[in-house]
Amino acid sequence: MISSIITMVRKELTDAARDKRSVMAGLYYAIGAPLMMCGMFMILIGQITSPEALNITITHGERAPDLVKYLASNEISQGDEADRKEIELIISPDYAANMAKSQAAEIVLIADNSNEKLQASIRRLEKALQEYSAEMGSLRLIARGIDPKVMQPIKVKVEDQATSDSKGGMILGVAIFMMVYAVFISGMNLAIDTSAGERERNSLALLLSHPVSTRNIVLAKVAAVTIFAMLGLILTLVISKVAYGFVPWQELGFSVNINVDFILLMLAIGLPIALMAAALQLFVSFMAKSFKEAQSYLTIVLIVPMMLSMAASYNIAPDTLQWLPVSGQMQALIAFIKGKELPMMQLALSSAITFIIALALALGMERSLKSEKIVFGL
């Protein structure tokens, strides 16, 4: 039995290797996703640590020269008219008089807050104005011989117990989502080709006519797709380990380390997910009547594991999801990279459920391949 399964797996892998375009299409995600993530993180860190100059329209800036200088020290100024954003700051006519009388001086901020491209700039300008207002308030109190600390009856001292690795775990949680999703994407093309594709080429019926049990054929196909899925995961891990080393995480005060322990744990957890993904993709592809129909169905079906992964990555999953496939394993991985105790019960149960689902789908495929409607796509 084992020898026949191994022979069938070799046959599936050999057939897949002949269609190099299809093979590479499944692995493009595993190669490209980590590189795109690193590029995105590098751009994001650059924007946070070195914000670009914000050019706005300041109307009647001569009425508040100190305010204009303060904003300029924060890289906020009028600049060239062509580079100005659609944000206008209007200084009221009585601004200087009210400031001299220690009264509230009015300024008007005009901007479209529904414009997503302007929201960050608006918040940046509002923060600068609030800081300037607080500074002016403190100077007014000092001028009257009052300590500004009187306005702060409570002083909150925050002691952050998070380590650099645990802070980095928040970022790596998003990367884990990409890694888990690579398991589903990498073997998808092979799953479609070895099921709906074989049926369209009329080779599925010929394969079933050989003196090999249907169960062995199903197990061989699941194993072949699982190998491709794990290959995609390995590529994602290797590229992530190399590429993430070029991201300047230290500028944000934490580190992101993809060490050997994490890689081994990810591979161990990824194996049952890969088995379930292979069985699910093959089952859905056999149910479809054509290659294109299988692609359409799988695109919809993959939304479910994607949503479970996102729920775990962004910590929006209810407690009941911690026992389910994908989300339970991801929550365990995130706990591990944050330096917390690995939830063994949660990990074991979610992995067991993953195996059970994979087995049920494989048995469903074995039964369906005994039907002429499935074999011939009737």
Protein backbone atom coordinates (compact mmCIF):
# COMPACT_ATOMS: atom_id res chain seq x y z
CA MET A 1 0.00 0.00 0.00
CA ILE A 2 2.73 2.47 1.00
CA SER A 3 4.83 1.67 -2.06
CA SER A 4 1.87 2.25 -4.40
CA ILE A 5 1.10 5.58 -2.69
CA ILE A 6 4.74 6.65 -3.05
CA THR A 7 4.65 5.70 -6.74
CA MET A 8 1.46 7.70 -7.23
CA VAL A 9 2.95 10.72 -5.44
CA ARG A 10 5.97 10.58 -7.76
CA LYS A 11 3.61 10.45 -10.72
CA GLU A 12 1.70 13.54 -9.49
CA LEU A 13 4.90 15.48 -8.80
CA THR A 14 6.34 14.50 -12.19
CA ASP A 15 3.19 15.68 -13.97
CA ALA A 16 3.29 18.94 -12.00
CA ALA A 17 6.96 19.53 -12.82
CA ARG A 18 6.21 19.33 -16.53
CA ASP A 19 3.94 22.37 -16.29
CA LYS A 20 6.48 24.82 -14.90
CA ARG A 21 4.23 27.85 -15.37
CA SER A 22 1.53 26.33 -13.21
CA VAL A 23 4.07 25.32 -10.57
CA MET A 24 5.68 28.76 -10.41
CA ALA A 25 2.30 30.50 -10.36
CA GLY A 26 1.56 28.70 -7.11
CA LEU A 27 4.92 29.66 -5.62
CA TYR A 28 4.97 33.30 -6.75
CA TYR A 29 2.99 34.24 -3.66
CA ALA A 30 5.42 32.43 -1.36
CA ILE A 31 8.34 34.30 -2.91
CA GLY A 32 6.76 37.70 -3.48
CA ALA A 33 4.61 38.17 -0.37
CA PRO A 34 7.52 38.41 2.16
CA LEU A 35 9.40 40.82 -0.10
CA MET A 36 6.32 43.02 -0.51
CA MET A 37 5.73 42.97 3.25
CA CYS A 38 9.32 44.05 3.92
CA GLY A 39 9.05 46.85 1.39
CA MET A 40 5.81 48.02 2.97
CA PHE A 41 7.34 47.96 6.47
CA MET A 42 10.41 49.90 5.31
CA ILE A 43 8.23 52.61 3.75
CA LEU A 44 6.02 52.75 6.84
CA ILE A 45 8.98 53.03 9.23
CA GLY A 46 10.48 55.75 7.07
CA GLN A 47 7.25 57.76 7.20
CA ILE A 48 6.95 57.36 10.98
CA THR A 49 10.55 58.19 11.88
CA SER A 50 11.18 60.84 9.24
CA PRO A 51 7.86 62.48 8.32
CA GLU A 52 7.84 64.54 5.16
CA ALA A 53 7.42 68.31 5.24
CA LEU A 54 3.75 69.27 5.37
CA ASN A 55 2.91 72.20 3.09
CA ILE A 56 -0.41 73.93 3.81
CA THR A 57 -2.03 77.28 3.15
CA ILE A 58 -1.66 79.71 6.06
CA THR A 59 -3.90 82.73 5.54
CA HIS A 60 -2.82 85.92 7.36
CA GLY A 61 0.20 84.22 8.87
CA GLU A 62 1.67 87.64 9.63
CA ARG A 63 -0.88 87.94 12.45
CA ALA A 64 0.72 85.02 14.32
CA PRO A 65 4.46 84.97 13.54
CA ASP A 66 5.33 82.90 16.62
CA LEU A 67 2.78 80.26 15.68
CA VAL A 68 4.08 80.15 12.11
CA LYS A 69 7.65 79.71 13.39
CA TYR A 70 6.54 76.94 15.75
CA LEU A 71 4.78 75.09 12.94
CA ALA A 72 7.84 75.53 10.72
CA SER A 73 10.00 73.90 13.42
CA ASN A 74 7.68 70.89 13.07
CA GLU A 75 8.11 70.80 9.27
CA ILE A 76 4.70 72.44 8.71
CA SER A 77 4.75 75.53 6.52
CA GLN A 78 3.30 77.12 3.39
CA GLY A 79 6.04 75.95 1.04
CA ASP A 80 5.55 76.02 -2.69
CA GLU A 81 1.99 76.54 -3.84
CA ALA A 82 2.17 73.52 -6.15
CA ASP A 83 3.12 71.21 -3.26
CA ARG A 84 0.49 72.44 -0.80
CA LYS A 85 -2.13 70.04 0.44
CA GLU A 86 -5.79 71.04 0.52
CA ILE A 87 -5.53 72.22 4.12
CA GLU A 88 -5.97 75.87 5.09
CA LEU A 89 -5.23 77.56 8.40
CA ILE A 90 -6.86 80.97 8.83
CA ILE A 91 -5.64 83.36 11.56
CA SER A 92 -8.44 85.54 12.94
CA PRO A 93 -8.07 89.39 12.84
CA ASP A 94 -8.11 89.68 16.64
CA TYR A 95 -5.57 86.89 17.17
CA ALA A 96 -2.72 89.14 18.34
CA ALA A 97 -4.99 91.24 20.55
CA ASN A 98 -6.49 88.21 22.28
CA MET A 99 -3.06 86.66 22.81
CA ALA A 100 -1.85 89.93 24.39
CA LYS A 101 -4.90 89.93 26.71
CA SER A 102 -4.30 86.23 27.60
CA GLN A 103 -7.64 85.35 26.05
CA ALA A 104 -8.51 82.55 23.68
CA ALA A 105 -7.26 83.39 20.19
CA GLU A 106 -9.21 81.85 17.34
CA ILE A 107 -7.77 80.06 14.35
CA VAL A 108 -9.78 78.18 11.74
CA LEU A 109 -8.68 74.86 10.24
CA ILE A 110 -10.36 74.10 6.92
CA ALA A 111 -9.92 70.62 5.46
CA ASP A 112 -11.89 67.67 4.10
CA ASN A 113 -11.67 65.07 6.86
CA SER A 114 -13.38 62.47 4.66
CA ASN A 115 -10.35 62.51 2.34
CA GLU A 116 -8.26 59.54 3.49
CA LYS A 117 -5.11 61.01 1.96
CA LEU A 118 -5.44 64.10 4.17
CA GLN A 119 -6.41 62.45 7.46
CA ALA A 120 -2.84 61.82 8.64
CA SER A 121 -1.81 65.39 7.73
CA ILE A 122 -4.84 66.84 9.52
CA ARG A 123 -4.06 64.87 12.68
CA ARG A 124 -0.44 65.97 12.50
CA LEU A 125 -1.44 69.64 12.22
CA GLU A 126 -3.99 69.34 15.02
CA LYS A 127 -1.39 67.75 17.29
CA ALA A 128 1.09 70.55 16.59
CA LEU A 129 -1.55 73.19 17.33
CA GLN A 130 -2.52 71.47 20.59
CA GLU A 131 1.12 71.34 21.68
CA TYR A 132 1.56 75.03 20.88
CA SER A 133 -1.63 75.84 22.81
CA ALA A 134 -0.40 73.88 25.84
CA GLU A 135 2.96 75.66 25.69
CA MET A 136 1.29 79.09 25.54
CA GLY A 137 -0.97 78.13 28.46
CA SER A 138 2.04 77.18 30.57
CA LEU A 139 3.75 80.49 29.76
CA ARG A 140 0.64 82.42 30.83
CA LEU A 141 0.61 80.62 34.18
CA ILE A 142 4.33 81.26 34.73
CA ALA A 143 3.80 84.97 33.95
CA ARG A 144 1.30 85.05 36.84
CA GLY A 145 3.63 83.25 39.18
CA ILE A 146 1.73 79.98 39.00
CA ASP A 147 3.45 76.67 38.50
CA PRO A 148 2.03 74.97 35.35
CA LYS A 149 2.07 71.68 37.26
CA VAL A 150 -1.00 72.96 39.12
CA MET A 151 -2.95 72.11 35.96
CA GLN A 152 -1.81 68.48 36.20
CA PRO A 153 -3.35 67.11 39.43
CA ILE A 154 -2.64 63.53 38.30
CA LYS A 155 0.62 62.37 36.82
CA VAL A 156 0.39 58.98 35.15
CA LYS A 157 3.61 57.03 34.95
CA VAL A 158 3.40 54.12 32.54
CA GLU A 159 5.81 51.23 32.99
CA ASP A 160 5.84 49.21 29.79
CA GLN A 161 6.69 45.59 30.60
CA ALA A 162 6.78 44.58 26.94
CA THR A 163 10.14 43.37 25.67
CA SER A 164 11.53 44.24 22.26
CA ASP A 165 10.64 40.75 21.04
CA SER A 166 7.04 40.96 22.29
CA LYS A 167 6.61 44.34 20.61
CA GLY A 168 8.00 42.85 17.44
CA GLY A 169 5.50 40.02 17.83
CA MET A 170 2.71 42.49 17.11
CA ILE A 171 4.22 43.11 13.67
CA LEU A 172 5.17 39.49 13.11
CA GLY A 173 1.54 38.54 13.74
CA VAL A 174 0.68 40.12 10.39
CA ALA A 175 3.59 38.25 8.79
CA ILE A 176 2.28 34.95 10.23
CA PHE A 177 -1.00 35.59 8.45
CA MET A 178 0.92 35.82 5.16
CA MET A 179 2.82 32.63 5.99
CA VAL A 180 -0.30 30.61 6.77
CA TYR A 181 -2.04 31.90 3.67
CA ALA A 182 0.96 30.78 1.61
CA VAL A 183 0.06 27.19 2.57
CA PHE A 184 -3.32 27.57 0.86
CA ILE A 185 -2.04 29.42 -2.20
CA SER A 186 1.08 27.38 -3.03
CA GLY A 187 -0.65 24.07 -3.69
CA MET A 188 -3.90 25.40 -5.15
CA ASN A 189 -2.88 25.22 -8.82
CA LEU A 190 -1.68 21.64 -8.44
CA ALA A 191 -4.89 20.69 -6.61
CA ILE A 192 -7.01 22.02 -9.48
CA ASP A 193 -4.78 20.50 -12.17
CA THR A 194 -4.68 17.04 -10.59
CA SER A 195 -8.47 16.90 -10.18
CA ALA A 196 -10.57 19.03 -12.53
CA GLY A 197 -7.63 19.29 -14.94
CA GLU A 198 -7.18 15.53 -15.20
CA ARG A 199 -10.88 15.09 -15.76
CA GLU A 200 -10.86 17.60 -18.65
CA ARG A 201 -7.88 15.76 -20.19
CA ASN A 202 -9.81 12.45 -19.80
CA SER A 203 -6.94 10.98 -17.77
CA LEU A 204 -8.85 10.69 -14.49
CA ALA A 205 -11.02 7.80 -15.71
CA LEU A 206 -7.92 6.08 -17.13
CA LEU A 207 -6.14 6.48 -13.78
CA LEU A 208 -9.08 4.96 -11.89
CA SER A 209 -9.12 2.00 -14.25
CA HIS A 210 -5.66 0.91 -13.07
CA PRO A 211 -5.35 -1.79 -10.39
CA VAL A 212 -4.86 0.83 -7.66
CA SER A 213 -7.41 1.46 -4.96
CA THR A 214 -9.31 4.74 -5.00
CA ARG A 215 -8.12 5.41 -1.46
CA ASN A 216 -4.48 5.21 -2.52
CA ILE A 217 -5.12 7.59 -5.41
CA VAL A 218 -6.78 10.10 -3.09
CA LEU A 219 -4.01 9.84 -0.50
CA ALA A 220 -1.36 10.30 -3.20
CA LYS A 221 -3.05 13.41 -4.55
CA VAL A 222 -3.43 14.87 -1.05
CA ALA A 223 0.23 14.10 -0.31
CA ALA A 224 1.42 15.73 -3.55
CA VAL A 225 -0.56 18.92 -2.94
CA THR A 226 0.60 18.96 0.69
CA ILE A 227 4.24 18.76 -0.47
CA PHE A 228 3.73 21.82 -2.66
CA ALA A 229 1.96 23.65 0.16
CA MET A 230 4.82 22.93 2.57
CA LEU A 231 7.35 23.94 -0.09
CA GLY A 232 5.60 27.29 -0.33
CA LEU A 233 5.70 27.65 3.46
CA ILE A 234 9.42 26.81 3.57
CA LEU A 235 10.15 29.38 0.84
CA THR A 236 8.14 32.00 2.72
CA LEU A 237 10.02 31.31 5.96
CA VAL A 238 13.47 31.36 4.33
CA ILE A 239 12.82 34.56 2.37
CA SER A 240 11.24 36.21 5.41
CA LYS A 241 14.22 35.36 7.60
CA VAL A 242 16.61 36.94 5.10
CA ALA A 243 14.49 39.91 4.01
CA TYR A 244 13.28 40.96 7.48
CA GLY A 245 16.90 41.44 8.51
CA PHE A 246 17.10 44.47 6.20
CA VAL A 247 14.13 46.26 7.82
CA PRO A 248 15.29 48.90 10.38
CA TRP A 249 13.08 47.68 13.22
CA GLN A 250 15.39 49.30 15.80
CA GLU A 251 14.15 52.73 14.75
CA LEU A 252 10.80 51.80 16.31
CA GLY A 253 12.39 50.39 19.44
CA PHE A 254 11.84 46.69 18.92
CA SER A 255 13.17 43.72 16.99
CA VAL A 256 11.63 41.06 14.76
CA ASN A 257 13.49 37.77 14.90
CA ILE A 258 12.59 34.71 12.84
CA ASN A 259 14.76 32.20 14.65
CA VAL A 260 15.16 28.45 14.23
CA ASP A 261 12.68 27.65 17.02
CA PHE A 262 9.98 29.71 15.33
CA ILE A 263 10.70 28.11 11.94
CA LEU A 264 10.47 24.58 13.37
CA LEU A 265 7.25 25.39 15.23
CA MET A 266 5.79 27.00 12.13
CA LEU A 267 6.58 23.91 10.05
CA ALA A 268 5.10 21.60 12.69
CA ILE A 269 1.91 23.65 12.90
CA GLY A 270 1.81 24.19 9.14
CA LEU A 271 1.76 20.46 8.31
CA PRO A 272 -1.80 19.73 9.53
CA ILE A 273 -2.98 23.00 7.96
CA ALA A 274 -1.35 21.95 4.67
CA LEU A 275 -3.07 18.56 4.82
CA MET A 276 -6.45 20.20 5.41
CA ALA A 277 -5.81 22.76 2.67
CA ALA A 278 -4.87 20.02 0.19
CA ALA A 279 -7.91 17.89 1.03
CA LEU A 280 -10.24 20.92 0.91
CA GLN A 281 -8.92 22.16 -2.44
CA LEU A 282 -9.05 18.71 -4.03
CA PHE A 283 -12.56 18.04 -2.70
CA VAL A 284 -13.91 21.34 -4.04
CA SER A 285 -12.11 20.86 -7.37
CA PHE A 286 -13.61 17.39 -7.83
CA MET A 287 -17.07 18.80 -7.13
CA ALA A 288 -16.59 21.41 -9.90
CA LYS A 289 -17.42 20.45 -13.47
CA SER A 290 -14.54 22.29 -15.14
CA PHE A 291 -11.10 23.76 -14.49
CA LYS A 292 -12.37 27.35 -14.52
CA GLU A 293 -15.29 26.47 -12.29
CA ALA A 294 -12.88 24.92 -9.78
CA GLN A 295 -10.83 28.13 -9.77
CA SER A 296 -13.96 30.17 -9.08
CA TYR A 297 -15.10 27.88 -6.26
CA LEU A 298 -11.69 27.82 -4.57
CA THR A 299 -11.42 31.60 -4.69
CA ILE A 300 -14.63 31.77 -2.64
CA VAL A 301 -13.75 28.87 -0.33
CA LEU A 302 -10.34 30.37 0.58
CA ILE A 303 -12.11 33.39 2.06
CA VAL A 304 -12.96 31.29 5.13
CA PRO A 305 -9.36 30.44 6.21
CA MET A 306 -8.32 33.98 5.28
CA MET A 307 -10.95 35.44 7.62
CA LEU A 308 -9.93 33.06 10.41
CA SER A 309 -6.29 34.07 9.93
CA MET A 310 -7.11 37.77 9.98
CA ALA A 311 -9.26 37.37 13.07
CA ALA A 312 -6.35 35.76 14.92
CA SER A 313 -3.75 38.22 13.55
CA TYR A 314 -5.64 41.34 14.58
CA ASN A 315 -6.90 39.90 17.89
CA ILE A 316 -10.56 40.27 16.97
CA ALA A 317 -11.42 36.58 17.25
CA PRO A 318 -13.90 35.50 19.95
CA ASP A 319 -12.76 32.88 22.44
CA THR A 320 -14.61 30.11 20.62
CA LEU A 321 -12.34 30.49 17.56
CA GLN A 322 -9.24 29.56 19.55
CA TRP A 323 -10.20 25.90 19.23
CA LEU A 324 -10.83 26.00 15.47
CA PRO A 325 -8.36 25.22 12.66
CA VAL A 326 -6.09 28.03 11.43
CA SER A 327 -7.21 30.61 14.02
CA GLY A 328 -6.27 28.39 16.96
CA GLN A 329 -2.84 27.58 15.52
CA MET A 330 -2.18 31.22 14.65
CA GLN A 331 -3.05 32.40 18.15
CA ALA A 332 -0.60 29.84 19.53
CA LEU A 333 2.12 31.09 17.15
CA ILE A 334 1.51 34.72 18.10
CA ALA A 335 1.73 33.79 21.79
CA PHE A 336 5.04 32.03 21.13
CA ILE A 337 6.68 34.94 19.29
CA LYS A 338 5.57 37.33 22.05
CA GLY A 339 7.46 35.24 24.58
CA LYS A 340 4.35 33.91 26.30
CA GLU A 341 3.70 30.34 27.34
CA LEU A 342 2.67 28.17 24.41
CA PRO A 343 -1.02 27.14 24.85
CA MET A 344 -0.49 23.41 24.35
CA MET A 345 -4.12 22.40 24.93
CA GLN A 346 -5.39 24.96 22.42
CA LEU A 347 -2.71 23.98 19.90
CA ALA A 348 -3.29 20.25 20.29
CA LEU A 349 -7.08 20.48 20.01
CA SER A 350 -7.08 22.85 17.02
CA SER A 351 -4.50 20.66 15.26
CA ALA A 352 -6.55 17.53 16.00
CA ILE A 353 -9.67 19.15 14.56
CA THR A 354 -7.62 20.13 11.50
CA PHE A 355 -6.56 16.49 10.99
CA ILE A 356 -10.15 15.28 11.44
CA ILE A 357 -11.44 17.73 8.81
CA ALA A 358 -8.69 16.65 6.40
CA LEU A 359 -9.55 12.98 6.97
CA ALA A 360 -13.27 13.59 6.48
CA LEU A 361 -12.63 15.43 3.21
CA ALA A 362 -10.34 12.64 1.99
CA LEU A 363 -12.99 10.01 2.76
CA GLY A 364 -15.53 12.21 0.96
CA MET A 365 -13.29 12.30 -2.10
CA GLU A 366 -12.81 8.53 -2.04
CA ARG A 367 -16.56 8.06 -2.03
CA SER A 368 -17.23 10.69 -4.70
CA LEU A 369 -14.68 9.18 -7.12
CA LYS A 370 -16.80 6.07 -7.25
CA SER A 371 -19.55 8.12 -8.88
CA GLU A 372 -19.65 8.49 -12.66
CA LYS A 373 -20.99 12.05 -12.31
CA ILE A 374 -17.79 13.12 -10.56
CA VAL A 375 -15.38 11.12 -12.73
CA PHE A 376 -16.82 12.28 -16.04
CA GLY A 377 -18.14 15.68 -14.88
CA LEU A 378 -21.75 14.93 -15.78
